[in-house]
C-alpha atoms as a PDB file:
ATOM      1  CA  MET A   1      93.203  71.362-153.838  1.00  0.00           C
ATOM      2  CA  THR A   2      94.533  69.001-151.217  1.00  0.00           C
ATOM      3  CA  GLU A   3      96.479  65.783-151.927  1.00  0.00           C
ATOM      4  CA  ALA A   4      94.782  62.465-151.379  1.00  0.00           C
ATOM      5  CA  PRO A   5      95.804  60.815-148.114  1.00  0.00           C
ATOM      6  CA  VAL A   6      98.523  58.342-148.317  1.00  0.00           C
ATOM      7  CA  PRO A   7      97.516  54.737-147.428  1.00  0.00           C
ATOM      8  CA  ARG A   8      99.138  53.097-144.404  1.00  0.00           C
ATOM      9  CA  ILE A   9     102.206  50.939-144.825  1.00  0.00           C
ATOM     10  CA  ASP A  10     101.315  47.273-144.807  1.00  0.00           C
ATOM     11  CA  SER A  11     104.801  45.669-144.907  1.00  0.00           C
ATOM     12  CA  VAL A  12     108.504  46.459-145.463  1.00  0.00           C
ATOM     13  CA  ALA A  13     110.961  43.874-146.696  1.00  0.00           C
ATOM     14  CA  MET A  14     114.639  43.723-147.541  1.00  0.00           C
ATOM     15  CA  LEU A  15     115.129  42.189-150.953  1.00  0.00           C
ATOM     16  CA  PRO A  16     118.213  40.107-151.858  1.00  0.00           C
ATOM     17  CA  ASN A  17     119.496  43.028-153.990  1.00  0.00           C
ATOM     18  CA  LEU A  18     119.411  45.145-150.836  1.00  0.00           C
ATOM     19  CA  PHE A  19     116.512  47.384-151.944  1.00  0.00           C
ATOM     20  CA  LEU A  20     113.626  47.811-149.510  1.00  0.00           C
ATOM     21  CA  ARG A  21     110.241  46.967-150.838  1.00  0.00           C
ATOM     22  CA  VAL A  22     107.415  48.967-149.144  1.00  0.00           C
ATOM     23  CA  THR A  23     103.887  47.665-149.671  1.00  0.00           C
ATOM     24  CA  TYR A  24     100.948  49.882-148.816  1.00  0.00           C
ATOM     25  CA  LYS A  25      97.427  48.918-147.787  1.00  0.00           C
ATOM     26  CA  ASP A  26      96.068  49.876-151.226  1.00  0.00           C
ATOM     27  CA  GLY A  27      98.406  47.358-152.854  1.00  0.00           C
ATOM     28  CA  GLU A  28     100.862  49.948-154.246  1.00  0.00           C
ATOM     29  CA  VAL A  29     104.479  49.069-153.921  1.00  0.00           C
ATOM     30  CA  ARG A  30     107.559  51.443-153.748  1.00  0.00           C
ATOM     31  CA  TYR A  31     111.287  50.649-153.661  1.00  0.00           C
ATOM     32  CA  VAL A  32     114.103  52.488-152.002  1.00  0.00           C
ATOM     33  CA  ARG A  33     117.829  51.701-151.840  1.00  0.00           C
ATOM     34  CA  SER A  34     119.136  50.661-148.436  1.00  0.00           C
ATOM     35  CA  PRO A  35     122.250  52.334-147.235  1.00  0.00           C
ATOM     36  CA  VAL A  36     124.209  49.067-147.867  1.00  0.00           C
ATOM     37  CA  ASN A  37     122.955  49.024-151.489  1.00  0.00           C
ATOM     38  CA  LYS A  38     124.260  52.571-151.905  1.00  0.00           C
ATOM     39  CA  GLN A  39     127.614  51.617-150.420  1.00  0.00           C
ATOM     40  CA  ILE A  40     128.008  48.693-152.710  1.00  0.00           C
ATOM     41  CA  ALA A  41     126.904  50.761-155.693  1.00  0.00           C
ATOM     42  CA  ALA A  42     129.499  53.484-154.797  1.00  0.00           C
ATOM     43  CA  GLY A  43     132.235  50.809-154.446  1.00  0.00           C
ATOM     44  CA  ALA A  44     131.381  49.286-157.770  1.00  0.00           C
ATOM     45  CA  SER A  45     131.643  52.623-159.509  1.00  0.00           C
ATOM     46  CA  ARG A  46     135.277  53.224-158.388  1.00  0.00           C
ATOM     47  CA  LYS A  47     138.516  51.410-158.775  1.00  0.00           C
ATOM     48  CA  VAL A  48     138.453  48.413-156.501  1.00  0.00           C
ATOM     49  CA  THR A  49     141.471  48.146-154.179  1.00  0.00           C
ATOM     50  CA  ALA A  50     142.255  45.490-151.526  1.00  0.00           C
ATOM     51  CA  LYS A  51     140.809  47.878-148.876  1.00  0.00           C
ATOM     52  CA  SER A  52     137.680  48.842-150.805  1.00  0.00           C
ATOM     53  CA  LEU A  53     137.056  45.134-151.608  1.00  0.00           C
ATOM     54  CA  GLY A  54     137.337  44.336-147.886  1.00  0.00           C
ATOM     55  CA  ASP A  55     134.841  47.151-147.155  1.00  0.00           C
ATOM     56  CA  MET A  56     132.360  45.842-149.713  1.00  0.00           C
ATOM     57  CA  MET A  57     132.676  42.247-148.439  1.00  0.00           C
ATOM     58  CA  GLN A  58     131.716  43.491-144.957  1.00  0.00           C
ATOM     59  CA  ALA A  59     128.597  45.033-146.454  1.00  0.00           C
ATOM     60  CA  SER A  60     127.607  41.905-148.322  1.00  0.00           C
ATOM     61  CA  ALA A  61     124.024  40.646-148.344  1.00  0.00           C
ATOM     62  CA  ALA A  62     125.100  37.581-146.375  1.00  0.00           C
ATOM     63  CA  SER A  63     126.117  39.739-143.429  1.00  0.00           C
ATOM     64  CA  TYR A  64     123.262  42.188-143.694  1.00  0.00           C
ATOM     65  CA  ILE A  65     119.931  40.503-144.569  1.00  0.00           C
ATOM     66  CA  PRO A  66     119.566  38.204-141.569  1.00  0.00           C
ATOM     67  CA  ALA A  67     119.901  41.084-139.072  1.00  0.00           C
ATOM     68  CA  ASN A  68     117.190  43.382-140.348  1.00  0.00           C
ATOM     69  CA  ALA A  69     115.266  45.223-137.665  1.00  0.00           C
ATOM     70  CA  ILE A  70     112.155  46.682-139.272  1.00  0.00           C
ATOM     71  CA  ASP A  71     109.804  48.972-137.345  1.00  0.00           C
ATOM     72  CA  ILE A  72     106.669  50.463-138.845  1.00  0.00           C
ATOM     73  CA  ASN A  73     105.411  53.400-136.882  1.00  0.00           C
ATOM     74  CA  PRO A  74     101.864  54.752-136.492  1.00  0.00           C
ATOM     75  CA  ASP A  75     102.767  58.062-138.294  1.00  0.00           C
ATOM     76  CA  ASN A  76     103.547  56.090-141.541  1.00  0.00           C
ATOM     77  CA  THR A  77     107.292  56.274-141.060  1.00  0.00           C
ATOM     78  CA  PHE A  78     109.474  53.234-140.686  1.00  0.00           C
ATOM     79  CA  ALA A  79     112.974  52.321-139.670  1.00  0.00           C
ATOM     80  CA  VAL A  80     115.235  49.590-140.999  1.00  0.00           C
ATOM     81  CA  ASN A  81     118.379  48.907-138.962  1.00  0.00           C
ATOM     82  CA  SER A  82     117.968  52.293-137.234  1.00  0.00           C
ATOM     83  CA  VAL A  83     117.709  54.203-140.575  1.00  0.00           C
ATOM     84  CA  ASP A  84     114.402  56.243-140.723  1.00  0.00           C
ATOM     85  CA  TYR A  85     112.205  56.595-143.775  1.00  0.00           C
ATOM     86  CA  ASP A  86     109.064  58.674-144.527  1.00  0.00           C
ATOM     87  CA  GLY A  87     106.421  56.390-145.959  1.00  0.00           C
ATOM     88  CA  ASP A  88     104.275  59.285-147.158  1.00  0.00           C
ATOM     89  CA  ASP A  89     107.142  60.813-149.143  1.00  0.00           C
ATOM     90  CA  LEU A  90     108.200  57.500-150.529  1.00  0.00           C
ATOM     91  CA  TYR A  91     104.571  56.828-151.682  1.00  0.00           C
ATOM     92  CA  ARG A  92     104.416  60.136-153.526  1.00  0.00           C
ATOM     93  CA  ASN A  93     107.941  60.273-154.932  1.00  0.00           C
ATOM     94  CA  GLY A  94     109.433  56.823-154.607  1.00  0.00           C
ATOM     95  CA  ARG A  95     110.425  54.244-157.228  1.00  0.00           C
ATOM     96  CA  ARG A  96     107.815  51.964-158.565  1.00  0.00           C
ATOM     97  CA  SER A  97     110.471  49.497-159.658  1.00  0.00           C
ATOM     98  CA  TYR A  98     113.973  48.782-158.419  1.00  0.00           C
ATOM     99  CA  MET A  99     114.968  48.463-162.056  1.00  0.00           C
ATOM    100  CA  ALA A 100     114.330  52.137-162.934  1.00  0.00           C
END
């Protein structure tokens, strides 16, 4: 039995909480953490020092969101700020909510 084909990516957007929202042509939506979101989450889970606070401030939404370079490729992959993602894998295994 073969898997159903994955629909094409319609749009990719960076949310204010630094998750990526990927919308497919069939209306399905998936979410994935951006590298900056992961960095902030890791910083929040450890003791904050002056240095780590400075590192987190450099990775703030204010410095990241305006500079998003989003490229959607014909093979259903996409890149955000030079980080590559597989749209097919995300459709099959990705989060359906950024709250989960």
